[in-house]
Protein backbone atom coordinates (compact mmCIF):
# COMPACT_ATOMS: atom_id res chain seq x y z
CA MET A 1 7.81 -23.47 14.06
CA PRO A 2 8.61 -20.65 11.60
CA LEU A 3 6.80 -17.34 11.80
CA LYS A 4 3.35 -17.36 10.21
CA THR A 5 3.15 -15.20 7.06
CA THR A 6 0.26 -13.42 5.39
CA CYS A 7 -0.51 -10.63 2.94
CA ILE A 8 -2.59 -7.55 3.74
CA GLY A 9 -4.92 -7.07 0.77
CA ALA A 10 -4.12 -5.82 -2.72
CA TYR A 11 -1.84 -7.61 -5.17
CA PRO A 12 -0.72 -6.31 -8.60
CA LYS A 13 -3.47 -6.91 -11.14
CA PRO A 14 -2.67 -8.93 -14.27
CA ASP A 15 -2.71 -6.74 -17.38
CA TYR A 16 -5.90 -8.31 -18.73
CA VAL A 17 -8.03 -7.29 -15.72
CA PRO A 18 -10.54 -4.77 -17.15
CA ILE A 19 -10.81 -2.64 -13.98
CA LYS A 20 -7.68 -0.71 -13.05
CA ASP A 21 -6.76 0.46 -9.57
CA TRP A 22 -7.57 4.07 -8.67
CA PHE A 23 -3.87 4.97 -8.58
CA GLN A 24 -3.33 3.63 -12.10
CA VAL A 25 -5.75 6.15 -13.63
CA GLY A 26 -5.38 8.96 -11.09
CA HIS A 27 -7.79 9.47 -8.19
CA ASP A 28 -8.51 13.05 -9.29
CA SER A 29 -8.82 12.41 -13.03
CA GLU A 30 -12.05 12.81 -14.96
CA ASP A 31 -11.31 9.49 -16.62
CA TYR A 32 -11.46 7.73 -13.26
CA ASN A 33 -14.61 9.58 -12.20
CA ASP A 34 -16.50 8.98 -15.42
CA ARG A 35 -15.23 5.57 -16.48
CA VAL A 36 -14.81 3.94 -13.11
CA LEU A 37 -16.80 5.60 -10.34
CA ARG A 38 -19.93 6.47 -12.33
CA GLN A 39 -20.07 3.56 -14.75
CA TRP A 40 -18.39 0.56 -13.21
CA SER A 41 -20.65 -2.38 -12.46
CA ALA A 42 -19.80 -4.73 -9.61
CA ALA A 43 -21.53 -7.65 -11.32
CA GLY A 44 -20.15 -7.26 -14.83
CA ASN A 45 -20.83 -9.67 -17.67
CA GLU A 46 -19.86 -13.32 -17.81
CA GLU A 47 -16.66 -12.54 -19.72
CA THR A 48 -15.56 -10.03 -17.08
CA LEU A 49 -16.36 -12.45 -14.26
CA ALA A 50 -14.30 -15.16 -15.94
CA LEU A 51 -11.33 -12.80 -16.26
CA MET A 52 -11.62 -11.78 -12.61
CA ASP A 53 -11.80 -15.41 -11.52
CA LYS A 54 -8.72 -16.22 -13.60
CA ALA A 55 -6.83 -13.27 -12.13
CA THR A 56 -7.82 -14.26 -8.59
CA ALA A 57 -6.41 -17.76 -9.11
CA GLU A 58 -3.18 -16.36 -10.55
CA VAL A 59 -2.45 -13.89 -7.75
CA ILE A 60 -3.18 -16.52 -5.12
CA ALA A 61 -0.84 -18.95 -6.87
CA ASP A 62 1.86 -16.25 -6.79
CA GLN A 63 1.45 -15.72 -3.06
CA ILE A 64 1.56 -19.46 -2.33
CA GLU A 65 4.62 -19.89 -4.56
CA CYS A 66 6.35 -17.18 -2.52
CA GLY A 67 5.61 -19.09 0.68
CA VAL A 68 2.70 -17.09 2.12
CA ASP A 69 0.70 -19.12 4.64
CA VAL A 70 -2.54 -17.09 4.52
CA PRO A 71 -3.00 -15.38 1.14
CA THR A 72 -5.66 -12.82 0.24
CA ASP A 73 -7.78 -12.75 -2.91
CA GLY A 74 -5.56 -9.88 -4.06
CA GLU A 75 -8.55 -7.53 -4.31
CA VAL A 76 -8.23 -7.85 -8.09
CA ARG A 77 -11.95 -7.15 -8.55
CA ARG A 78 -11.72 -3.77 -6.80
CA GLU A 79 -11.18 -0.40 -8.44
CA ASN A 80 -10.83 1.09 -4.94
CA TYR A 81 -10.91 -1.05 -1.82
CA VAL A 82 -13.33 1.36 -0.07
CA HIS A 83 -15.70 2.17 -2.89
CA TYR A 84 -16.00 -1.47 -3.96
CA GLN A 85 -17.65 -2.19 -0.63
CA CYS A 86 -19.80 0.95 -0.70
CA ARG A 87 -21.41 -0.10 -3.97
CA HIS A 88 -23.13 -2.92 -2.11
CA PHE A 89 -24.72 -0.68 0.52
CA SER A 90 -27.77 1.48 -0.05
CA GLY A 91 -27.35 5.17 0.71
CA PHE A 92 -24.37 5.89 -1.59
CA ASP A 93 -24.69 7.99 -4.76
CA PHE A 94 -22.05 7.13 -7.37
CA GLU A 95 -23.45 9.43 -10.06
CA ASN A 96 -23.40 12.83 -8.36
CA LEU A 97 -19.94 13.06 -6.80
CA THR A 98 -18.78 15.57 -4.19
CA GLU A 99 -15.26 17.01 -3.93
CA ARG A 100 -13.49 16.56 -0.60
CA VAL A 101 -9.95 17.06 0.73
CA LEU A 102 -8.58 13.78 2.09
CA ARG A 103 -5.86 12.28 4.29
CA ASN A 104 -5.04 15.38 6.32
CA GLY A 105 -4.78 17.52 3.19
CA ALA A 106 -2.73 15.04 1.16
CA TYR A 107 -5.01 15.40 -1.87
CA ALA A 108 -8.49 16.39 -3.09
CA SER A 109 -10.86 14.10 -4.97
CA GLU A 110 -14.47 13.74 -6.10
CA LEU A 111 -16.14 11.06 -4.01
CA PRO A 112 -19.30 8.97 -3.82
CA THR A 113 -21.87 10.82 -1.72
CA ILE A 114 -23.96 9.54 1.19
CA ARG A 115 -27.52 10.80 0.63
CA SER A 116 -29.63 8.43 2.76
CA ASP A 117 -29.30 5.87 5.56
CA ILE A 118 -26.62 3.22 5.04
CA LYS A 119 -27.96 -0.32 4.91
CA ALA A 120 -26.52 -3.64 3.77
CA GLY A 121 -28.34 -5.67 1.17
CA ASP A 122 -29.53 -9.24 1.59
CA THR A 123 -26.58 -10.68 -0.35
CA SER A 124 -22.84 -10.05 -0.28
CA THR A 125 -20.59 -10.08 -3.34
CA LEU A 126 -17.72 -10.79 -0.95
CA VAL A 127 -19.04 -14.30 -0.42
CA ARG A 128 -18.51 -15.21 -4.07
CA ASP A 129 -15.14 -13.41 -4.05
CA TRP A 130 -14.05 -15.59 -1.14
CA GLN A 131 -15.49 -18.81 -2.58
CA VAL A 132 -13.61 -18.38 -5.86
CA ALA A 133 -10.40 -17.47 -4.00
CA GLU A 134 -10.47 -20.34 -1.52
CA ALA A 135 -11.33 -22.87 -4.20
CA ALA A 136 -8.29 -21.71 -6.15
CA ALA A 137 -6.02 -21.73 -3.08
CA GLY A 138 -7.04 -25.02 -1.53
CA ARG A 139 -6.35 -23.43 1.87
CA PRO A 140 -7.88 -20.64 4.00
CA VAL A 141 -7.90 -17.26 2.25
CA LYS A 142 -8.32 -13.94 4.01
CA ILE A 143 -11.00 -11.52 2.78
CA THR A 144 -10.68 -7.81 3.51
CA MET A 145 -13.09 -4.91 3.81
CA PRO A 146 -12.81 -1.26 4.86
CA GLY A 147 -13.84 -0.18 8.35
CA PRO A 148 -16.45 2.44 9.31
CA MET A 149 -14.08 5.36 9.92
CA THR A 150 -12.14 4.64 6.71
CA ILE A 151 -15.34 4.52 4.65
CA SER A 152 -16.48 7.78 6.25
CA ASP A 153 -13.20 9.45 5.37
CA THR A 154 -13.21 8.25 1.75
CA THR A 155 -16.77 9.31 0.90
CA ALA A 156 -18.76 12.54 1.21
CA ASP A 157 -21.57 12.70 3.77
CA VAL A 158 -24.42 15.13 3.09
CA HIS A 159 -27.04 13.14 4.99
CA TYR A 160 -25.98 12.22 8.55
CA ASN A 161 -23.86 15.19 9.57
CA ASP A 162 -23.11 13.08 12.64
CA ALA A 163 -19.83 11.15 12.51
CA LYS A 164 -20.75 8.74 15.30
CA LYS A 165 -24.16 7.85 13.86
CA LEU A 166 -22.67 7.35 10.40
CA ALA A 167 -19.94 5.11 11.78
CA SER A 168 -22.51 3.14 13.78
CA ASP A 169 -24.71 2.48 10.74
CA LEU A 170 -21.67 1.52 8.67
CA ALA A 171 -20.57 -0.89 11.40
CA ASP A 172 -23.99 -2.57 11.38
CA ALA A 173 -23.88 -2.92 7.59
CA LEU A 174 -20.34 -4.31 7.70
CA ASN A 175 -21.29 -6.72 10.47
CA LYS A 176 -23.96 -8.13 8.18
CA GLN A 177 -21.32 -8.63 5.46
CA VAL A 178 -18.99 -10.29 7.99
CA HIS A 179 -21.69 -12.72 9.08
CA ALA A 180 -22.50 -13.56 5.46
CA LEU A 181 -18.86 -14.58 5.04
CA VAL A 182 -18.86 -16.53 8.30
CA ASP A 183 -22.05 -18.37 7.33
CA ALA A 184 -20.43 -19.29 3.99
CA GLY A 185 -17.43 -20.77 5.80
CA CYS A 186 -14.82 -18.01 5.66
CA THR A 187 -12.43 -18.21 8.63
CA ASN A 188 -10.13 -15.19 8.01
CA ILE A 189 -11.75 -11.74 7.86
CA GLN A 190 -9.88 -8.44 7.95
CA ILE A 191 -11.24 -4.93 8.59
CA ASP A 192 -8.99 -2.09 7.37
CA GLU A 193 -8.93 1.07 9.51
CA PRO A 194 -5.90 3.13 8.37
CA ILE A 195 -7.79 6.26 9.41
CA PHE A 196 -7.16 5.25 13.02
CA ALA A 197 -3.57 6.41 12.49
CA ARG A 198 -4.71 9.65 10.84
CA LYS A 199 -7.35 10.46 13.44
CA PRO A 200 -6.37 8.77 16.72
CA ASP A 201 -8.57 11.03 18.85
CA GLU A 202 -11.68 10.06 16.89
CA ALA A 203 -10.56 6.43 16.94
CA LEU A 204 -10.44 6.51 20.72
CA GLU A 205 -13.68 8.48 21.03
CA TYR A 206 -15.88 6.16 18.95
CA GLY A 207 -13.83 4.33 16.30
CA THR A 208 -12.77 1.40 18.46
CA ASP A 209 -16.39 0.84 19.50
CA THR A 210 -17.64 0.76 15.92
CA LEU A 211 -14.74 -1.47 14.90
CA ALA A 212 -15.67 -3.96 17.60
CA ARG A 213 -19.26 -3.76 16.39
CA CYS A 214 -18.17 -4.97 12.95
CA PHE A 215 -17.08 -8.26 14.54
CA HIS A 216 -20.03 -8.58 16.93
CA GLY A 217 -21.24 -12.17 17.21
CA VAL A 218 -18.35 -13.66 15.23
CA PRO A 219 -17.43 -17.14 16.57
CA GLU A 220 -13.99 -17.94 17.98
CA SER A 221 -13.35 -20.26 15.03
CA VAL A 222 -12.92 -17.18 12.82
CA THR A 223 -9.65 -15.23 12.85
CA ARG A 224 -10.60 -11.55 13.16
CA VAL A 225 -7.97 -9.18 11.77
CA VAL A 226 -7.60 -5.38 11.86
CA HIS A 227 -5.16 -3.53 9.58
CA MET A 228 -3.91 -0.02 10.36
CA CYS A 229 -1.29 1.54 8.05
CA CYS A 230 -0.19 5.17 7.97
CA GLY A 231 -1.13 6.00 4.38
CA TYR A 232 0.47 5.63 0.95
CA PRO A 233 1.07 7.83 -2.14
CA CYS A 234 -0.30 7.53 -5.65
CA GLU A 235 2.91 6.19 -7.17
CA LEU A 236 5.95 4.12 -6.37
CA ASP A 237 8.97 5.81 -4.75
CA ASP A 238 7.15 9.02 -3.83
CA MET A 239 8.89 9.46 -0.50
CA ASP A 240 7.47 12.94 0.22
CA TYR A 241 3.92 11.72 0.78
CA PRO A 242 2.61 13.05 4.14
CA LYS A 243 2.06 9.93 6.23
CA ALA A 244 0.19 9.77 9.53
CA ASP A 245 2.03 10.55 12.74
CA GLN A 246 3.80 7.35 13.78
CA GLN A 247 3.06 8.08 17.44
CA SER A 248 -0.59 7.39 16.65
CA TYR A 249 0.14 3.69 17.01
CA VAL A 250 1.38 4.18 20.55
CA GLN A 251 -1.62 6.37 21.32
CA ILE A 252 -4.24 3.82 20.24
CA ALA A 253 -2.44 0.49 20.82
CA GLU A 254 -3.99 -0.42 24.16
CA ALA A 255 -7.48 0.54 22.94
CA VAL A 256 -7.35 -1.72 19.86
CA ASP A 257 -5.58 -4.60 21.61
CA GLY A 258 -8.10 -7.41 21.98
CA ILE A 259 -10.69 -6.07 19.52
CA ALA A 260 -9.37 -8.57 16.99
CA ASP A 261 -7.26 -11.71 17.11
CA GLU A 262 -4.57 -10.06 14.98
CA ILE A 263 -3.64 -6.37 14.62
CA SER A 264 -1.67 -5.35 11.52
CA ILE A 265 0.76 -2.40 11.57
CA GLU A 266 3.42 -1.10 9.20
CA ASP A 267 7.02 -1.13 10.39
CA ALA A 268 9.34 -1.43 7.38
CA HIS A 269 8.79 2.08 6.01
CA ARG A 270 9.86 3.45 9.39
CA HIS A 271 10.59 1.26 12.36
CA ASN A 272 8.33 1.61 15.38
CA PRO A 273 9.67 2.38 18.86
CA ALA A 274 10.29 -0.62 21.08
CA GLU A 275 7.61 0.50 23.54
CA LEU A 276 4.87 -0.14 20.95
CA PHE A 277 5.50 -3.89 20.95
CA THR A 278 4.99 -4.07 24.71
CA LYS A 279 1.46 -2.67 24.46
CA PHE A 280 -0.11 -5.75 22.84
CA ASP A 281 -0.79 -8.74 25.06
CA LYS A 282 -4.26 -9.83 23.89
CA SER A 283 -3.94 -9.68 20.10
CA LYS A 284 -1.22 -11.12 17.92
CA LEU A 285 0.71 -8.46 16.01
CA ILE A 286 1.04 -8.60 12.22
CA VAL A 287 4.16 -6.55 11.49
CA GLY A 288 5.16 -5.17 8.10
CA PHE A 289 8.64 -6.38 7.20
CA PHE A 290 8.99 -4.84 3.75
CA THR A 291 7.90 -1.58 2.17
CA VAL A 292 5.13 -1.42 -0.40
CA ALA A 293 5.74 2.06 -1.87
CA SER A 294 9.47 1.70 -2.48
CA SER A 295 11.23 -0.23 -5.25
CA GLN A 296 14.19 -0.93 -2.94
CA VAL A 297 14.31 -4.66 -2.15
CA GLU A 298 14.94 -5.66 1.45
CA SER A 299 17.32 -8.61 1.70
CA VAL A 300 16.54 -11.78 3.63
CA ASP A 301 19.21 -10.83 6.16
CA GLN A 302 17.74 -7.34 6.65
CA ILE A 303 14.26 -8.72 7.20
CA ARG A 304 15.45 -11.46 9.55
CA ALA A 305 17.45 -8.92 11.58
CA ARG A 306 14.34 -6.81 12.17
CA MET A 307 12.33 -9.89 13.08
CA GLU A 308 14.96 -10.84 15.65
CA GLU A 309 14.92 -7.31 17.12
CA ILE A 310 11.16 -7.48 17.64
CA LEU A 311 11.34 -11.00 19.06
CA LYS A 312 13.56 -9.68 21.84
CA ILE A 313 10.50 -7.68 22.95
CA MET A 314 7.54 -9.97 22.26
CA PRO A 315 7.10 -13.78 22.13
CA MET A 316 7.33 -15.57 18.81
CA GLU A 317 3.81 -17.01 19.02
CA GLN A 318 2.43 -13.46 19.09
CA LEU A 319 4.17 -12.26 15.91
CA VAL A 320 3.00 -12.64 12.27
CA ALA A 321 5.02 -11.47 9.25
CA ALA A 322 3.49 -9.45 6.39
CA PRO A 323 4.16 -6.53 4.07
CA ASP A 324 3.48 -3.02 5.39
CA CYS A 325 0.26 -2.85 3.32
CA GLY A 326 -1.15 -4.00 -0.03
CA LEU A 327 1.22 -4.71 -2.93
CA GLY A 328 -0.56 -2.96 -5.81
CA PHE A 329 2.16 -0.37 -6.43
CA LEU A 330 4.98 -2.85 -6.84
CA GLY A 331 4.17 -4.78 -9.98
CA ARG A 332 4.26 -8.59 -10.04
CA GLU A 333 8.01 -9.22 -10.29
CA LEU A 334 8.96 -6.81 -7.51
CA ALA A 335 6.10 -7.95 -5.28
CA MET A 336 7.12 -11.60 -5.61
CA THR A 337 10.79 -10.82 -4.94
CA LYS A 338 9.93 -9.00 -1.73
CA LEU A 339 7.44 -11.66 -0.64
CA LYS A 340 9.92 -14.48 -1.23
CA ASN A 341 12.56 -12.71 0.85
CA MET A 342 10.11 -12.12 3.68
CA CYS A 343 8.92 -15.72 3.70
CA GLU A 344 12.47 -17.07 3.59
CA ALA A 345 13.39 -14.87 6.56
CA ALA A 346 10.31 -16.04 8.45
CA ARG A 347 11.15 -19.70 7.83
CA SER A 348 14.71 -19.16 9.06
CA ILE A 349 13.72 -17.77 12.46
């Protein structure tokens, strides 16, 4: 059997999608704050919904054409993968923003502000997102959402002033969203916690507990996925962006192993030490085999060679092939070229 392949989350949006990604308008620009954060509506009108549905079908068709076994919905409806989720929880203020420094000082931005207790609503927009995506794919589609620590780090808290309590409430709200997806029939659900790599001490102190809480009560028939990348810049080929310490993976590996069925890590941007791959024996490992912030195209032979190196350390049935992270930076043509090479390499193993 060839290696299983999947995508992580975002896919380049078609030009007609009315909501641009945060990095397309600038995360610190007034245009983004005023036009997107303060005014964007998750529901939209019928015309907008139709465009989003069309875009979802197109990006899924691209992934399947490239050979991806488990595609995502491409997150084409999301202006920001964290804030999209926050809009559907009470407690967040999207009108009166608060400036914060983010990602270990990588940049400053005005953020939605937590002003009261976080609670999930009775409905989940993610259910419709998944239903449209899976109907278009005709196969299981993975739906993604941000984890408690990542939401905490991408918003401004002026209410809790207690990181553990905030993360706990966010986990309960996310768990409700997860169960709404499960009840609807979704069998592939991914929680993104890139902040684990930025803040491994906090991840070990309480983050792994709240992550597990997100999946509480989920049946074995559902594939639970966790994604942890080391951070990405605001534009393609910015190689000076301060990424998280790569040793963070080694530090937290044994603690996250087993929380989910599959753990996703980046590897193409900078290869991980061999010891990391020995630390996972409960979860499958989704490994990134091509970069998502570089325009350089990895050849099939290059990708296959790295796959073979890793397979000397861990069994084939435990490995899944993917990009390092979401594909939004790349543009459609470059994203498809890289995906096709990865899938061809995976089939040749």
